[in-house]
Amino acid sequence: MDKISVKVCLGTTCFVKNSANKPKLKELVAEKFGDKVEIVGSPCLGVCSTNWEISKAPYIKVNDVLIQEATVEKVLAEIEAQLAKGE
């Protein structure tokens, strides 16, 4: 199985809504999943650029799954689900 890719949106709306405050996520992912998961920042995922007024930021993508109003718990659950499918 390929590494799971986690992209944290660092665009303005997501940043303001706390996506940059995800060091806890990086720490927990490394602890729980080791090198099975790669976390990277993305300048913008382009999700809320069409209608920022109804944005559900912050956004994080786990492979191709977009997580709205992303929390550490939601991201960890999606990683676990994808790892379970791939094993």
PDB file of N, CA and C in Angstrom:
ATOM      1  N   MET A   1       0.836  -1.183   0.000  1.00  0.00           N
ATOM      2  CA  MET A   1       0.000   0.000   0.000  1.00  0.00           C
ATOM      3  C   MET A   1       0.881   1.247   0.000  1.00  0.00           C
ATOM      4  N   ASP A   2       0.500   2.234  -0.812  1.00  0.00           N
ATOM      5  CA  ASP A   2       1.207   3.508  -0.843  1.00  0.00           C
ATOM      6  C   ASP A   2       0.943   4.278   0.446  1.00  0.00           C
ATOM      7  N   LYS A   3       1.824   5.238   0.689  1.00  0.00           N
ATOM      8  CA  LYS A   3       1.612   6.110   1.844  1.00  0.00           C
ATOM      9  C   LYS A   3       0.313   6.881   1.688  1.00  0.00           C
ATOM     10  N   ILE A   4      -0.333   7.130   2.794  1.00  0.00           N
ATOM     11  CA  ILE A   4      -1.514   7.986   2.789  1.00  0.00           C
ATOM     12  C   ILE A   4      -1.037   9.421   2.831  1.00  0.00           C
ATOM     13  N   SER A   5      -1.613  10.227   1.964  1.00  0.00           N
ATOM     14  CA  SER A   5      -1.246  11.635   1.874  1.00  0.00           C
ATOM     15  C   SER A   5      -2.290  12.483   2.591  1.00  0.00           C
ATOM     16  N   VAL A   6      -1.821  13.318   3.510  1.00  0.00           N
ATOM     17  CA  VAL A   6      -2.694  14.247   4.225  1.00  0.00           C
ATOM     18  C   VAL A   6      -2.257  15.650   3.844  1.00  0.00           C
ATOM     19  N   LYS A   7      -3.167  16.398   3.218  1.00  0.00           N
ATOM     20  CA  LYS A   7      -2.879  17.774   2.819  1.00  0.00           C
ATOM     21  C   LYS A   7      -3.679  18.724   3.692  1.00  0.00           C
ATOM     22  N   VAL A   8      -2.956  19.562   4.426  1.00  0.00           N
ATOM     23  CA  VAL A   8      -3.576  20.546   5.304  1.00  0.00           C
ATOM     24  C   VAL A   8      -3.623  21.872   4.554  1.00  0.00           C
ATOM     25  N   CYS A   9      -4.819  22.398   4.348  1.00  0.00           N
ATOM     26  CA  CYS A   9      -4.963  23.672   3.650  1.00  0.00           C
ATOM     27  C   CYS A   9      -4.460  24.804   4.552  1.00  0.00           C
ATOM     28  N   LEU A  10      -3.589  25.624   3.985  1.00  0.00           N
ATOM     29  CA  LEU A  10      -3.057  26.771   4.715  1.00  0.00           C
ATOM     30  C   LEU A  10      -3.495  28.083   4.072  1.00  0.00           C
ATOM     31  N   GLY A  11      -4.543  28.019   3.239  1.00  0.00           N
ATOM     32  CA  GLY A  11      -5.100  29.229   2.644  1.00  0.00           C
ATOM     33  C   GLY A  11      -5.665  30.130   3.734  1.00  0.00           C
ATOM     34  N   THR A  12      -5.952  31.358   3.376  1.00  0.00           N
ATOM     35  CA  THR A  12      -6.358  32.362   4.361  1.00  0.00           C
ATOM     36  C   THR A  12      -7.538  31.918   5.223  1.00  0.00           C
ATOM     37  N   THR A  13      -8.612  31.469   4.604  1.00  0.00           N
ATOM     38  CA  THR A  13      -9.803  31.090   5.375  1.00  0.00           C
ATOM     39  C   THR A  13      -9.503  29.925   6.306  1.00  0.00           C
ATOM     40  N   CYS A  14      -8.833  28.918   5.804  1.00  0.00           N
ATOM     41  CA  CYS A  14      -8.503  27.756   6.638  1.00  0.00           C
ATOM     42  C   CYS A  14      -7.530  28.145   7.742  1.00  0.00           C
ATOM     43  N   PHE A  15      -6.554  28.989   7.404  1.00  0.00           N
ATOM     44  CA  PHE A  15      -5.581  29.431   8.396  1.00  0.00           C
ATOM     45  C   PHE A  15      -6.282  30.162   9.532  1.00  0.00           C
ATOM     46  N   VAL A  16      -7.186  31.068   9.169  1.00  0.00           N
ATOM     47  CA  VAL A  16      -7.921  31.836  10.177  1.00  0.00           C
ATOM     48  C   VAL A  16      -8.780  30.903  11.038  1.00  0.00           C
ATOM     49  N   LYS A  17      -9.284  29.848  10.412  1.00  0.00           N
ATOM     50  CA  LYS A  17     -10.132  28.906  11.153  1.00  0.00           C
ATOM     51  C   LYS A  17      -9.321  27.771  11.760  1.00  0.00           C
ATOM     52  N   ASN A  18      -8.028  28.018  11.920  1.00  0.00           N
ATOM     53  CA  ASN A  18      -7.189  27.155  12.752  1.00  0.00           C
ATOM     54  C   ASN A  18      -6.525  25.953  12.080  1.00  0.00           C
ATOM     55  N   SER A  19      -6.410  25.900  10.767  1.00  0.00           N
ATOM     56  CA  SER A  19      -5.741  24.749  10.169  1.00  0.00           C
ATOM     57  C   SER A  19      -4.258  24.718  10.510  1.00  0.00           C
ATOM     58  N   ALA A  20      -3.666  25.879  10.738  1.00  0.00           N
ATOM     59  CA  ALA A  20      -2.241  25.921  11.049  1.00  0.00           C
ATOM     60  C   ALA A  20      -1.967  25.405  12.458  1.00  0.00           C
ATOM     61  N   ASN A  21      -2.999  25.275  13.254  1.00  0.00           N
ATOM     62  CA  ASN A  21      -2.821  24.788  14.617  1.00  0.00           C
ATOM     63  C   ASN A  21      -2.953  23.267  14.646  1.00  0.00           C
ATOM     64  N   LYS A  22      -2.272  22.596  13.737  1.00  0.00           N
ATOM     65  CA  LYS A  22      -2.368  21.156  13.656  1.00  0.00           C
ATOM     66  C   LYS A  22      -1.068  20.439  14.029  1.00  0.00           C
ATOM     67  N   PRO A  23      -0.178  21.059  14.835  1.00  0.00           N
ATOM     68  CA  PRO A  23       1.014  20.308  15.239  1.00  0.00           C
ATOM     69  C   PRO A  23       0.625  19.061  16.018  1.00  0.00           C
ATOM     70  N   LYS A  24      -0.480  19.146  16.747  1.00  0.00           N
ATOM     71  CA  LYS A  24      -0.982  17.980  17.472  1.00  0.00           C
ATOM     72  C   LYS A  24      -1.280  16.845  16.491  1.00  0.00           C
ATOM     73  N   LEU A  25      -1.858  17.193  15.340  1.00  0.00           N
ATOM     74  CA  LEU A  25      -2.164  16.195  14.318  1.00  0.00           C
ATOM     75  C   LEU A  25      -0.886  15.522  13.839  1.00  0.00           C
ATOM     76  N   LYS A  26       0.104  16.318  13.505  1.00  0.00           N
ATOM     77  CA  LYS A  26       1.369  15.769  12.998  1.00  0.00           C
ATOM     78  C   LYS A  26       2.004  14.848  14.039  1.00  0.00           C
ATOM     79  N   GLU A  27       1.978  15.268  15.274  1.00  0.00           N
ATOM     80  CA  GLU A  27       2.553  14.474  16.360  1.00  0.00           C
ATOM     81  C   GLU A  27       1.803  13.151  16.536  1.00  0.00           C
ATOM     82  N   LEU A  28       0.468  13.216  16.558  1.00  0.00           N
ATOM     83  CA  LEU A  28      -0.338  12.008  16.741  1.00  0.00           C
ATOM     84  C   LEU A  28      -0.217  11.052  15.563  1.00  0.00           C
ATOM     85  N   VAL A  29      -0.186  11.595  14.349  1.00  0.00           N
ATOM     86  CA  VAL A  29      -0.061  10.752  13.159  1.00  0.00           C
ATOM     87  C   VAL A  29       1.270  10.002  13.191  1.00  0.00           C
ATOM     88  N   ALA A  30       2.344  10.705  13.502  1.00  0.00           N
ATOM     89  CA  ALA A  30       3.664  10.063  13.566  1.00  0.00           C
ATOM     90  C   ALA A  30       3.675   8.971  14.631  1.00  0.00           C
ATOM     91  N   GLU A  31       3.055   9.259  15.755  1.00  0.00           N
ATOM     92  CA  GLU A  31       3.010   8.318  16.865  1.00  0.00           C
ATOM     93  C   GLU A  31       2.183   7.073  16.525  1.00  0.00           C
ATOM     94  N   LYS A  32       1.004   7.282  15.915  1.00  0.00           N
ATOM     95  CA  LYS A  32       0.079   6.175  15.642  1.00  0.00           C
ATOM     96  C   LYS A  32       0.396   5.387  14.373  1.00  0.00           C
ATOM     97  N   PHE A  33       0.854   6.099  13.328  1.00  0.00           N
ATOM     98  CA  PHE A  33       0.949   5.460  12.019  1.00  0.00           C
ATOM     99  C   PHE A  33       2.362   5.412  11.443  1.00  0.00           C
ATOM    100  N   GLY A  34       3.305   6.038  12.117  1.00  0.00           N
ATOM    101  CA  GLY A  34       4.690   6.023  11.644  1.00  0.00           C
ATOM    102  C   GLY A  34       4.822   6.561  10.235  1.00  0.00           C
ATOM    103  N   ASP A  35       5.538   5.826   9.411  1.00  0.00           N
ATOM    104  CA  ASP A  35       5.810   6.301   8.047  1.00  0.00           C
ATOM    105  C   ASP A  35       4.742   5.882   7.035  1.00  0.00           C
ATOM    106  N   LYS A  36       3.601   5.411   7.498  1.00  0.00           N
ATOM    107  CA  LYS A  36       2.501   5.052   6.587  1.00  0.00           C
ATOM    108  C   LYS A  36       1.750   6.281   6.076  1.00  0.00           C
ATOM    109  N   VAL A  37       1.986   7.429   6.747  1.00  0.00           N
ATOM    110  CA  VAL A  37       1.237   8.651   6.439  1.00  0.00           C
ATOM    111  C   VAL A  37       2.206   9.809   6.275  1.00  0.00           C
ATOM    112  N   GLU A  38       1.944  10.618   5.255  1.00  0.00           N
ATOM    113  CA  GLU A  38       2.748  11.812   5.011  1.00  0.00           C
ATOM    114  C   GLU A  38       1.834  13.029   5.123  1.00  0.00           C
ATOM    115  N   ILE A  39       2.236  14.016   5.931  1.00  0.00           N
ATOM    116  CA  ILE A  39       1.457  15.238   6.092  1.00  0.00           C
ATOM    117  C   ILE A  39       2.217  16.385   5.441  1.00  0.00           C
ATOM    118  N   VAL A  40       1.491  17.121   4.594  1.00  0.00           N
ATOM    119  CA  VAL A  40       2.078  18.297   3.946  1.00  0.00           C
ATOM    120  C   VAL A  40       1.094  19.459   4.028  1.00  0.00           C
ATOM    121  N   GLY A  41       1.634  20.661   4.006  1.00  0.00           N
ATOM    122  CA  GLY A  41       0.803  21.845   3.939  1.00  0.00           C
ATOM    123  C   GLY A  41       0.558  22.199   2.484  1.00  0.00           C
ATOM    124  N   SER A  42      -0.596  22.735   2.204  1.00  0.00           N
ATOM    125  CA  SER A  42      -0.940  23.159   0.855  1.00  0.00           C
ATOM    126  C   SER A  42      -1.311  24.637   0.907  1.00  0.00           C
ATOM    127  N   PRO A  43      -0.768  25.454  -0.010  1.00  0.00           N
ATOM    128  CA  PRO A  43      -1.092  26.884   0.021  1.00  0.00           C
ATOM    129  C   PRO A  43      -2.599  27.130  -0.015  1.00  0.00           C
ATOM    130  N   CYS A  44      -3.336  26.301  -0.731  1.00  0.00           N
ATOM    131  CA  CYS A  44      -4.795  26.399  -0.778  1.00  0.00           C
ATOM    132  C   CYS A  44      -5.315  25.162  -1.503  1.00  0.00           C
ATOM    133  N   LEU A  45      -6.367  24.576  -0.992  1.00  0.00           N
ATOM    134  CA  LEU A  45      -6.989  23.436  -1.671  1.00  0.00           C
ATOM    135  C   LEU A  45      -8.050  23.900  -2.665  1.00  0.00           C
ATOM    136  N   GLY A  46      -8.354  25.203  -2.666  1.00  0.00           N
ATOM    137  CA  GLY A  46      -9.287  25.767  -3.638  1.00  0.00           C
ATOM    138  C   GLY A  46     -10.748  25.456  -3.388  1.00  0.00           C
ATOM    139  N   VAL A  47     -11.071  24.972  -2.226  1.00  0.00           N
ATOM    140  CA  VAL A  47     -12.435  24.549  -1.947  1.00  0.00           C
ATOM    141  C   VAL A  47     -13.356  25.727  -1.663  1.00  0.00           C
ATOM    142  N   CYS A  48     -12.927  26.637  -0.840  1.00  0.00           N
ATOM    143  CA  CYS A  48     -13.822  27.720  -0.425  1.00  0.00           C
ATOM    144  C   CYS A  48     -13.674  28.969  -1.289  1.00  0.00           C
ATOM    145  N   SER A  49     -12.838  28.916  -2.293  1.00  0.00           N
ATOM    146  CA  SER A  49     -12.608  30.113  -3.105  1.00  0.00           C
ATOM    147  C   SER A  49     -13.839  30.522  -3.913  1.00  0.00           C
ATOM    148  N   THR A  50     -14.743  29.601  -4.155  1.00  0.00           N
ATOM    149  CA  THR A  50     -15.934  29.946  -4.935  1.00  0.00           C
ATOM    150  C   THR A  50     -17.025  30.578  -4.084  1.00  0.00           C
ATOM    151  N   ASN A  51     -17.098  30.228  -2.820  1.00  0.00           N
ATOM    152  CA  ASN A  51     -18.108  30.830  -1.956  1.00  0.00           C
ATOM    153  C   ASN A  51     -17.638  30.778  -0.507  1.00  0.00           C
ATOM    154  N   TRP A  52     -16.732  31.663  -0.159  1.00  0.00           N
ATOM    155  CA  TRP A  52     -16.144  31.655   1.174  1.00  0.00           C
ATOM    156  C   TRP A  52     -17.149  31.969   2.276  1.00  0.00           C
ATOM    157  N   GLU A  53     -18.273  32.599   1.938  1.00  0.00           N
ATOM    158  CA  GLU A  53     -19.254  32.956   2.968  1.00  0.00           C
ATOM    159  C   GLU A  53     -19.907  31.735   3.604  1.00  0.00           C
ATOM    160  N   ILE A  54     -19.982  30.642   2.865  1.00  0.00           N
ATOM    161  CA  ILE A  54     -20.577  29.428   3.429  1.00  0.00           C
ATOM    162  C   ILE A  54     -19.523  28.336   3.605  1.00  0.00           C
ATOM    163  N   SER A  55     -18.285  28.765   3.706  1.00  0.00           N
ATOM    164  CA  SER A  55     -17.172  27.841   3.838  1.00  0.00           C
ATOM    165  C   SER A  55     -17.309  26.959   5.082  1.00  0.00           C
ATOM    166  N   LYS A  56     -16.862  25.743   4.939  1.00  0.00           N
ATOM    167  CA  LYS A  56     -16.820  24.813   6.061  1.00  0.00           C
ATOM    168  C   LYS A  56     -15.364  24.538   6.417  1.00  0.00           C
ATOM    169  N   ALA A  57     -14.567  25.597   6.366  1.00  0.00           N
ATOM    170  CA  ALA A  57     -13.147  25.514   6.686  1.00  0.00           C
ATOM    171  C   ALA A  57     -12.967  25.235   8.179  1.00  0.00           C
ATOM    172  N   PRO A  58     -11.852  24.680   8.566  1.00  0.00           N
ATOM    173  CA  PRO A  58     -10.702  24.332   7.751  1.00  0.00           C
ATOM    174  C   PRO A  58     -10.910  23.005   7.016  1.00  0.00           C
ATOM    175  N   TYR A  59     -10.216  22.903   5.879  1.00  0.00           N
ATOM    176  CA  TYR A  59     -10.273  21.701   5.057  1.00  0.00           C
ATOM    177  C   TYR A  59      -8.955  20.943   5.132  1.00  0.00           C
ATOM    178  N   ILE A  60      -9.066  19.630   5.159  1.00  0.00           N
ATOM    179  CA  ILE A  60      -7.902  18.757   5.076  1.00  0.00           C
ATOM    180  C   ILE A  60      -8.290  17.609   4.155  1.00  0.00           C
ATOM    181  N   LYS A  61      -7.372  17.238   3.271  1.00  0.00           N
ATOM    182  CA  LYS A  61      -7.604  16.113   2.366  1.00  0.00           C
ATOM    183  C   LYS A  61      -6.785  14.918   2.817  1.00  0.00           C
ATOM    184  N   VAL A  62      -7.445  13.777   2.935  1.00  0.00           N
ATOM    185  CA  VAL A  62      -6.764  12.516   3.218  1.00  0.00           C
ATOM    186  C   VAL A  62      -6.900  11.693   1.948  1.00  0.00           C
ATOM    187  N   ASN A  63      -5.783  11.568   1.230  1.00  0.00           N
ATOM    188  CA  ASN A  63      -5.796  11.066  -0.138  1.00  0.00           C
ATOM    189  C   ASN A  63      -6.818  11.893  -0.920  1.00  0.00           C
ATOM    190  N   ASP A  64      -7.873  11.294  -1.436  1.00  0.00           N
ATOM    191  CA  ASP A  64      -8.849  12.057  -2.217  1.00  0.00           C
ATOM    192  C   ASP A  64     -10.110  12.421  -1.423  1.00  0.00           C
ATOM    193  N   VAL A  65     -10.118  12.142  -0.140  1.00  0.00           N
ATOM    194  CA  VAL A  65     -11.288  12.425   0.692  1.00  0.00           C
ATOM    195  C   VAL A  65     -11.121  13.793   1.339  1.00  0.00           C
ATOM    196  N   LEU A  66     -12.048  14.699   1.038  1.00  0.00           N
ATOM    197  CA  LEU A  66     -12.026  16.041   1.601  1.00  0.00           C
ATOM    198  C   LEU A  66     -12.781  16.050   2.921  1.00  0.00           C
ATOM    199  N   ILE A  67     -12.136  16.549   3.959  1.00  0.00           N
ATOM    200  CA  ILE A  67     -12.770  16.652   5.264  1.00  0.00           C
ATOM    201  C   ILE A  67     -13.081  18.122   5.521  1.00  0.00           C
ATOM    202  N   GLN A  68     -14.362  18.413   5.721  1.00  0.00           N
ATOM    203  CA  GLN A  68     -14.809  19.765   6.026  1.00  0.00           C
ATOM    204  C   GLN A  68     -14.819  19.965   7.536  1.00  0.00           C
ATOM    205  N   GLU A  69     -14.634  21.221   7.958  1.00  0.00           N
ATOM    206  CA  GLU A  69     -14.585  21.529   9.382  1.00  0.00           C
ATOM    207  C   GLU A  69     -13.686  20.514  10.086  1.00  0.00           C
ATOM    208  N   ALA A  70     -12.496  20.361   9.516  1.00  0.00           N
ATOM    209  CA  ALA A  70     -11.566  19.322   9.939  1.00  0.00           C
ATOM    210  C   ALA A  70     -11.121  19.486  11.384  1.00  0.00           C
ATOM    211  N   THR A  71     -11.134  18.366  12.063  1.00  0.00           N
ATOM    212  CA  THR A  71     -10.588  18.279  13.419  1.00  0.00           C
ATOM    213  C   THR A  71      -9.566  17.158  13.415  1.00  0.00           C
ATOM    214  N   VAL A  72      -8.746  17.133  14.432  1.00  0.00           N
ATOM    215  CA  VAL A  72      -7.763  16.063  14.559  1.00  0.00           C
ATOM    216  C   VAL A  72      -8.482  14.717  14.584  1.00  0.00           C
ATOM    217  N   GLU A  73      -9.567  14.640  15.310  1.00  0.00           N
ATOM    218  CA  GLU A  73     -10.305  13.378  15.441  1.00  0.00           C
ATOM    219  C   GLU A  73     -10.855  12.903  14.101  1.00  0.00           C
ATOM    220  N   LYS A  74     -11.430  13.823  13.311  1.00  0.00           N
ATOM    221  CA  LYS A  74     -11.969  13.446  11.994  1.00  0.00           C
ATOM    222  C   LYS A  74     -10.864  12.937  11.071  1.00  0.00           C
ATOM    223  N   VAL A  75      -9.715  13.596  11.104  1.00  0.00           N
ATOM    224  CA  VAL A  75      -8.607  13.199  10.232  1.00  0.00           C
ATOM    225  C   VAL A  75      -8.065  11.838  10.648  1.00  0.00           C
ATOM    226  N   LEU A  76      -7.854  11.630  11.929  1.00  0.00           N
ATOM    227  CA  LEU A  76      -7.368  10.327  12.399  1.00  0.00           C
ATOM    228  C   LEU A  76      -8.337   9.210  12.037  1.00  0.00           C
ATOM    229  N   ALA A  77      -9.633   9.463  12.164  1.00  0.00           N
ATOM    230  CA  ALA A  77     -10.641   8.448  11.825  1.00  0.00           C
ATOM    231  C   ALA A  77     -10.575   8.099  10.340  1.00  0.00           C
ATOM    232  N   GLU A  78     -10.394   9.098   9.480  1.00  0.00           N
ATOM    233  CA  GLU A  78     -10.307   8.833   8.038  1.00  0.00           C
ATOM    234  C   GLU A  78      -9.033   8.071   7.694  1.00  0.00           C
ATOM    235  N   ILE A  79      -7.937   8.420   8.325  1.00  0.00           N
ATOM    236  CA  ILE A  79      -6.685   7.678   8.084  1.00  0.00           C
ATOM    237  C   ILE A  79      -6.863   6.226   8.485  1.00  0.00           C
ATOM    238  N   GLU A  80      -7.443   5.998   9.652  1.00  0.00           N
ATOM    239  CA  GLU A  80      -7.674   4.624  10.118  1.00  0.00           C
ATOM    240  C   GLU A  80      -8.573   3.861   9.155  1.00  0.00           C
ATOM    241  N   ALA A  81      -9.621   4.522   8.657  1.00  0.00           N
ATOM    242  CA  ALA A  81     -10.544   3.868   7.703  1.00  0.00           C
ATOM    243  C   ALA A  81      -9.810   3.494   6.426  1.00  0.00           C
ATOM    244  N   GLN A  82      -8.975   4.398   5.925  1.00  0.00           N
ATOM    245  CA  GLN A  82      -8.265   4.101   4.688  1.00  0.00           C
ATOM    246  C   GLN A  82      -7.199   3.032   4.881  1.00  0.00           C
ATOM    247  N   LEU A  83      -6.546   3.017   6.028  1.00  0.00           N
ATOM    248  CA  LEU A  83      -5.570   1.965   6.300  1.00  0.00           C
ATOM    249  C   LEU A  83      -6.261   0.610   6.422  1.00  0.00           C
ATOM    250  N   ALA A  84      -7.432   0.596   7.036  1.00  0.00           N
ATOM    251  CA  ALA A  84      -8.185  -0.656   7.183  1.00  0.00           C
ATOM    252  C   ALA A  84      -8.598  -1.209   5.821  1.00  0.00           C
ATOM    253  N   LYS A  85      -8.971  -0.351   4.882  1.00  0.00           N
ATOM    254  CA  LYS A  85      -9.345  -0.793   3.532  1.00  0.00           C
ATOM    255  C   LYS A  85      -8.164  -1.353   2.770  1.00  0.00           C
ATOM    256  N   GLY A  86      -6.993  -0.779   3.030  1.00  0.00           N
ATOM    257  CA  GLY A  86      -5.805  -1.166   2.264  1.00  0.00           C
ATOM    258  C   GLY A  86      -5.087  -2.382   2.776  1.00  0.00           C
ATOM    259  N   GLU A  87      -5.438  -2.843   3.971  1.00  0.00           N
ATOM    260  CA  GLU A  87      -4.735  -3.989   4.549  1.00  0.00           C
ATOM    261  C   GLU A  87      -5.361  -5.304   4.168  1.00  0.00           C
TER     262      GLU A  87
END
